[in-house]
Amino acid sequence: MMEINNRKKQLNWVCRILITLDLVVVSAGYLSFFQAKQQLSSSLIPDSTRLQIISDGYIFHASLLAAVFFLAGLWFYSFHKKRIAIVLFTAALVGFRFYPA
């Protein structure tokens, strides 16, 4: 009985660590978007050109991909499907890391 309880604690800690890493990855993408938008704000640069420059960066798109997997993982985690959640949280990190630049 003690082994089952210990296994659940380990799965919970793995999920918590992966959730934290996924939050860092997703927030980094959004922060880079707003930072680039702020740095390119000028009356000489049209909005369409500014958004084109920002959308050419892979970090924002990779963080959107990571956010989708992260959200799915949160849903499974909230329904106590921790193994599926771990797979989805890990997929978010791997998807962000290996997104084509």
N, C-alpha and C. Protein backbone atom coordinates (compact mmCIF):
# COMPACT_ATOMS: atom_id res chain seq x y z
N MET A 1 0.82 -1.20 0.00
CA MET A 1 0.00 0.00 0.00
C MET A 1 0.86 1.26 0.00
N MET A 2 2.01 1.18 0.66
CA MET A 2 2.89 2.33 0.73
C MET A 2 3.51 2.63 -0.63
N GLU A 3 3.78 1.61 -1.45
CA GLU A 3 4.37 1.81 -2.76
C GLU A 3 3.42 2.56 -3.70
N ILE A 4 2.14 2.26 -3.62
CA ILE A 4 1.15 2.94 -4.47
C ILE A 4 1.10 4.42 -4.12
N ASN A 5 1.10 4.74 -2.85
CA ASN A 5 1.05 6.13 -2.42
C ASN A 5 2.32 6.86 -2.85
N ASN A 6 3.47 6.19 -2.74
CA ASN A 6 4.73 6.79 -3.16
C ASN A 6 4.74 7.03 -4.68
N ARG A 7 4.19 6.10 -5.43
CA ARG A 7 4.12 6.24 -6.89
C ARG A 7 3.25 7.43 -7.29
N LYS A 8 2.13 7.63 -6.60
CA LYS A 8 1.25 8.77 -6.89
C LYS A 8 1.96 10.09 -6.58
N LYS A 9 2.73 10.11 -5.50
CA LYS A 9 3.47 11.33 -5.16
C LYS A 9 4.51 11.64 -6.22
N GLN A 10 5.18 10.60 -6.71
CA GLN A 10 6.18 10.82 -7.75
C GLN A 10 5.54 11.35 -9.04
N LEU A 11 4.39 10.78 -9.41
CA LEU A 11 3.70 11.27 -10.62
C LEU A 11 3.25 12.72 -10.43
N ASN A 12 2.78 13.05 -9.23
CA ASN A 12 2.37 14.44 -8.97
C ASN A 12 3.55 15.39 -9.10
N TRP A 13 4.71 15.00 -8.57
CA TRP A 13 5.87 15.88 -8.64
C TRP A 13 6.38 16.02 -10.07
N VAL A 14 6.34 14.96 -10.82
CA VAL A 14 6.75 15.04 -12.23
C VAL A 14 5.81 16.00 -12.98
N CYS A 15 4.53 15.88 -12.73
CA CYS A 15 3.56 16.79 -13.38
C CYS A 15 3.80 18.23 -12.97
N ARG A 16 4.06 18.47 -11.71
CA ARG A 16 4.29 19.85 -11.25
C ARG A 16 5.52 20.46 -11.89
N ILE A 17 6.58 19.68 -12.00
CA ILE A 17 7.80 20.19 -12.61
C ILE A 17 7.57 20.48 -14.09
N LEU A 18 6.89 19.56 -14.78
CA LEU A 18 6.61 19.78 -16.20
C LEU A 18 5.67 20.96 -16.43
N ILE A 19 4.70 21.15 -15.55
CA ILE A 19 3.81 22.31 -15.66
C ILE A 19 4.60 23.60 -15.53
N THR A 20 5.53 23.63 -14.58
CA THR A 20 6.36 24.82 -14.40
C THR A 20 7.21 25.10 -15.63
N LEU A 21 7.83 24.07 -16.17
CA LEU A 21 8.64 24.26 -17.38
C LEU A 21 7.80 24.70 -18.57
N ASP A 22 6.61 24.13 -18.70
CA ASP A 22 5.72 24.53 -19.80
C ASP A 22 5.27 25.97 -19.66
N LEU A 23 5.01 26.41 -18.44
CA LEU A 23 4.63 27.81 -18.23
C LEU A 23 5.75 28.75 -18.62
N VAL A 24 6.98 28.37 -18.33
CA VAL A 24 8.12 29.19 -18.72
C VAL A 24 8.22 29.28 -20.24
N VAL A 25 8.04 28.15 -20.91
CA VAL A 25 8.15 28.11 -22.37
C VAL A 25 7.04 28.95 -23.02
N VAL A 26 5.83 28.78 -22.57
CA VAL A 26 4.70 29.51 -23.18
C VAL A 26 4.82 31.00 -22.90
N SER A 27 5.16 31.35 -21.68
CA SER A 27 5.28 32.78 -21.36
C SER A 27 6.46 33.42 -22.08
N ALA A 28 7.53 32.66 -22.34
CA ALA A 28 8.67 33.22 -23.09
C ALA A 28 8.25 33.60 -24.51
N GLY A 29 7.41 32.80 -25.12
CA GLY A 29 6.95 33.12 -26.47
C GLY A 29 6.10 34.37 -26.51
N TYR A 30 5.20 34.49 -25.54
CA TYR A 30 4.34 35.67 -25.51
C TYR A 30 5.12 36.92 -25.13
N LEU A 31 6.07 36.78 -24.21
CA LEU A 31 6.88 37.93 -23.84
C LEU A 31 7.75 38.40 -25.00
N SER A 32 8.26 37.46 -25.79
CA SER A 32 9.06 37.87 -26.96
C SER A 32 8.20 38.59 -27.98
N PHE A 33 6.94 38.18 -28.11
CA PHE A 33 6.02 38.86 -29.03
C PHE A 33 5.80 40.32 -28.59
N PHE A 34 5.50 40.51 -27.30
CA PHE A 34 5.23 41.87 -26.83
C PHE A 34 6.50 42.72 -26.79
N GLN A 35 7.62 42.10 -26.51
CA GLN A 35 8.88 42.83 -26.52
C GLN A 35 9.22 43.31 -27.93
N ALA A 36 9.08 42.44 -28.91
CA ALA A 36 9.36 42.83 -30.29
C ALA A 36 8.37 43.89 -30.77
N LYS A 37 7.12 43.75 -30.36
CA LYS A 37 6.11 44.74 -30.75
C LYS A 37 6.44 46.11 -30.16
N GLN A 38 6.91 46.12 -28.91
CA GLN A 38 7.26 47.38 -28.26
C GLN A 38 8.52 48.00 -28.88
N GLN A 39 9.49 47.17 -29.21
CA GLN A 39 10.73 47.69 -29.77
C GLN A 39 10.55 48.22 -31.19
N LEU A 40 9.61 47.67 -31.91
CA LEU A 40 9.38 48.10 -33.29
C LEU A 40 8.33 49.19 -33.42
N SER A 41 7.86 49.71 -32.29
CA SER A 41 6.82 50.73 -32.38
C SER A 41 7.46 52.06 -32.81
N SER A 42 7.06 52.48 -33.97
CA SER A 42 7.55 53.72 -34.54
C SER A 42 6.52 54.21 -35.55
N SER A 43 6.48 55.51 -35.71
CA SER A 43 5.55 56.05 -36.71
C SER A 43 6.06 55.80 -38.13
N LEU A 44 7.34 55.45 -38.26
CA LEU A 44 7.90 55.20 -39.58
C LEU A 44 7.66 53.78 -40.08
N ILE A 45 7.33 52.85 -39.16
CA ILE A 45 7.11 51.46 -39.53
C ILE A 45 5.60 51.19 -39.52
N PRO A 46 5.01 50.82 -40.63
CA PRO A 46 3.57 50.52 -40.64
C PRO A 46 3.27 49.27 -39.80
N ASP A 47 2.03 49.19 -39.32
CA ASP A 47 1.63 48.07 -38.48
C ASP A 47 1.74 46.73 -39.21
N SER A 48 1.41 46.72 -40.49
CA SER A 48 1.48 45.46 -41.24
C SER A 48 2.92 44.95 -41.33
N THR A 49 3.86 45.85 -41.53
CA THR A 49 5.27 45.45 -41.59
C THR A 49 5.75 44.98 -40.23
N ARG A 50 5.33 45.65 -39.19
CA ARG A 50 5.72 45.27 -37.83
C ARG A 50 5.20 43.88 -37.49
N LEU A 51 3.96 43.61 -37.80
CA LEU A 51 3.40 42.29 -37.52
C LEU A 51 4.03 41.21 -38.40
N GLN A 52 4.43 41.56 -39.61
CA GLN A 52 5.12 40.60 -40.48
C GLN A 52 6.48 40.23 -39.90
N ILE A 53 7.18 41.20 -39.38
CA ILE A 53 8.49 40.95 -38.78
C ILE A 53 8.33 40.06 -37.55
N ILE A 54 7.34 40.35 -36.74
CA ILE A 54 7.11 39.56 -35.51
C ILE A 54 6.68 38.14 -35.85
N SER A 55 5.82 38.00 -36.85
CA SER A 55 5.32 36.66 -37.18
C SER A 55 6.36 35.79 -37.87
N ASP A 56 7.42 36.40 -38.41
CA ASP A 56 8.49 35.61 -39.01
C ASP A 56 9.32 34.88 -37.97
N GLY A 57 9.29 35.31 -36.74
CA GLY A 57 10.05 34.65 -35.68
C GLY A 57 9.38 33.34 -35.29
N TYR A 58 10.19 32.34 -35.03
CA TYR A 58 9.64 31.01 -34.73
C TYR A 58 9.23 30.87 -33.27
N ILE A 59 9.73 31.72 -32.39
CA ILE A 59 9.46 31.54 -30.96
C ILE A 59 7.98 31.70 -30.66
N PHE A 60 7.33 32.66 -31.28
CA PHE A 60 5.90 32.87 -31.03
C PHE A 60 5.08 31.69 -31.51
N HIS A 61 5.38 31.18 -32.71
CA HIS A 61 4.63 30.04 -33.24
C HIS A 61 4.91 28.77 -32.44
N ALA A 62 6.15 28.59 -32.03
CA ALA A 62 6.49 27.42 -31.22
C ALA A 62 5.80 27.48 -29.87
N SER A 63 5.66 28.66 -29.30
CA SER A 63 4.98 28.76 -28.01
C SER A 63 3.47 28.54 -28.17
N LEU A 64 2.91 28.88 -29.31
CA LEU A 64 1.50 28.55 -29.56
C LEU A 64 1.29 27.04 -29.62
N LEU A 65 2.20 26.35 -30.29
CA LEU A 65 2.14 24.89 -30.34
C LEU A 65 2.28 24.30 -28.93
N ALA A 66 3.23 24.82 -28.17
CA ALA A 66 3.42 24.34 -26.80
C ALA A 66 2.19 24.64 -25.94
N ALA A 67 1.53 25.77 -26.18
CA ALA A 67 0.35 26.12 -25.39
C ALA A 67 -0.80 25.15 -25.63
N VAL A 68 -0.94 24.66 -26.86
CA VAL A 68 -2.00 23.70 -27.17
C VAL A 68 -1.78 22.40 -26.41
N PHE A 69 -0.55 21.88 -26.46
CA PHE A 69 -0.25 20.65 -25.73
C PHE A 69 -0.34 20.86 -24.22
N PHE A 70 0.09 22.03 -23.76
CA PHE A 70 0.02 22.35 -22.34
C PHE A 70 -1.42 22.39 -21.85
N LEU A 71 -2.30 23.01 -22.61
CA LEU A 71 -3.71 23.08 -22.23
C LEU A 71 -4.35 21.69 -22.20
N ALA A 72 -4.03 20.87 -23.19
CA ALA A 72 -4.56 19.50 -23.20
C ALA A 72 -4.03 18.72 -22.00
N GLY A 73 -2.76 18.91 -21.68
CA GLY A 73 -2.19 18.25 -20.52
C GLY A 73 -2.84 18.69 -19.22
N LEU A 74 -3.17 19.96 -19.12
CA LEU A 74 -3.86 20.45 -17.92
C LEU A 74 -5.24 19.82 -17.77
N TRP A 75 -5.92 19.65 -18.88
CA TRP A 75 -7.24 19.01 -18.82
C TRP A 75 -7.11 17.57 -18.31
N PHE A 76 -6.17 16.83 -18.85
CA PHE A 76 -5.99 15.45 -18.40
C PHE A 76 -5.50 15.41 -16.94
N TYR A 77 -4.66 16.34 -16.55
CA TYR A 77 -4.18 16.39 -15.17
C TYR A 77 -5.32 16.67 -14.21
N SER A 78 -6.24 17.53 -14.61
CA SER A 78 -7.36 17.86 -13.73
C SER A 78 -8.34 16.69 -13.59
N PHE A 79 -8.34 15.77 -14.55
CA PHE A 79 -9.18 14.58 -14.45
C PHE A 79 -8.40 13.36 -13.95
N HIS A 80 -7.24 13.63 -13.33
CA HIS A 80 -6.41 12.60 -12.69
C HIS A 80 -5.89 11.55 -13.67
N LYS A 81 -5.67 11.95 -14.90
CA LYS A 81 -5.03 11.10 -15.91
C LYS A 81 -3.59 11.58 -16.04
N LYS A 82 -2.80 11.27 -15.03
CA LYS A 82 -1.47 11.86 -14.92
C LYS A 82 -0.48 11.34 -15.95
N ARG A 83 -0.58 10.11 -16.33
CA ARG A 83 0.36 9.57 -17.32
C ARG A 83 0.16 10.21 -18.68
N ILE A 84 -1.09 10.39 -19.07
CA ILE A 84 -1.36 11.07 -20.34
C ILE A 84 -0.92 12.53 -20.25
N ALA A 85 -1.15 13.14 -19.09
CA ALA A 85 -0.74 14.53 -18.88
C ALA A 85 0.77 14.67 -18.99
N ILE A 86 1.52 13.73 -18.44
CA ILE A 86 2.98 13.78 -18.53
C ILE A 86 3.43 13.70 -19.99
N VAL A 87 2.79 12.85 -20.75
CA VAL A 87 3.13 12.73 -22.18
C VAL A 87 2.85 14.05 -22.90
N LEU A 88 1.72 14.67 -22.62
CA LEU A 88 1.37 15.93 -23.29
C LEU A 88 2.28 17.08 -22.83
N PHE A 89 2.60 17.14 -21.54
CA PHE A 89 3.51 18.18 -21.06
C PHE A 89 4.89 18.03 -21.69
N THR A 90 5.35 16.79 -21.81
CA THR A 90 6.64 16.54 -22.44
C THR A 90 6.58 16.88 -23.93
N ALA A 91 5.47 16.57 -24.58
CA ALA A 91 5.30 16.91 -25.99
C ALA A 91 5.34 18.42 -26.20
N ALA A 92 4.83 19.18 -25.25
CA ALA A 92 4.89 20.64 -25.36
C ALA A 92 6.33 21.12 -25.34
N LEU A 93 7.13 20.56 -24.46
CA LEU A 93 8.54 20.96 -24.39
C LEU A 93 9.32 20.53 -25.62
N VAL A 94 9.07 19.31 -26.07
CA VAL A 94 9.77 18.79 -27.25
C VAL A 94 9.32 19.55 -28.50
N GLY A 95 8.04 19.84 -28.60
CA GLY A 95 7.54 20.60 -29.74
C GLY A 95 8.12 22.00 -29.81
N PHE A 96 8.30 22.63 -28.64
CA PHE A 96 8.90 23.95 -28.62
C PHE A 96 10.38 23.88 -29.00
N ARG A 97 11.05 22.87 -28.52
CA ARG A 97 12.49 22.76 -28.75
C ARG A 97 12.81 22.43 -30.21
N PHE A 98 12.04 21.57 -30.82
CA PHE A 98 12.35 21.12 -32.17
C PHE A 98 11.45 21.73 -33.25
N TYR A 99 10.79 22.82 -32.93
CA TYR A 99 9.97 23.51 -33.93
C TYR A 99 10.90 24.04 -35.01
N PRO A 100 10.56 23.85 -36.28
CA PRO A 100 11.48 24.30 -37.34
C PRO A 100 11.63 25.81 -37.36
N ALA A 101 12.86 26.24 -37.35
CA ALA A 101 13.15 27.68 -37.31
C ALA A 101 13.07 28.30 -38.68
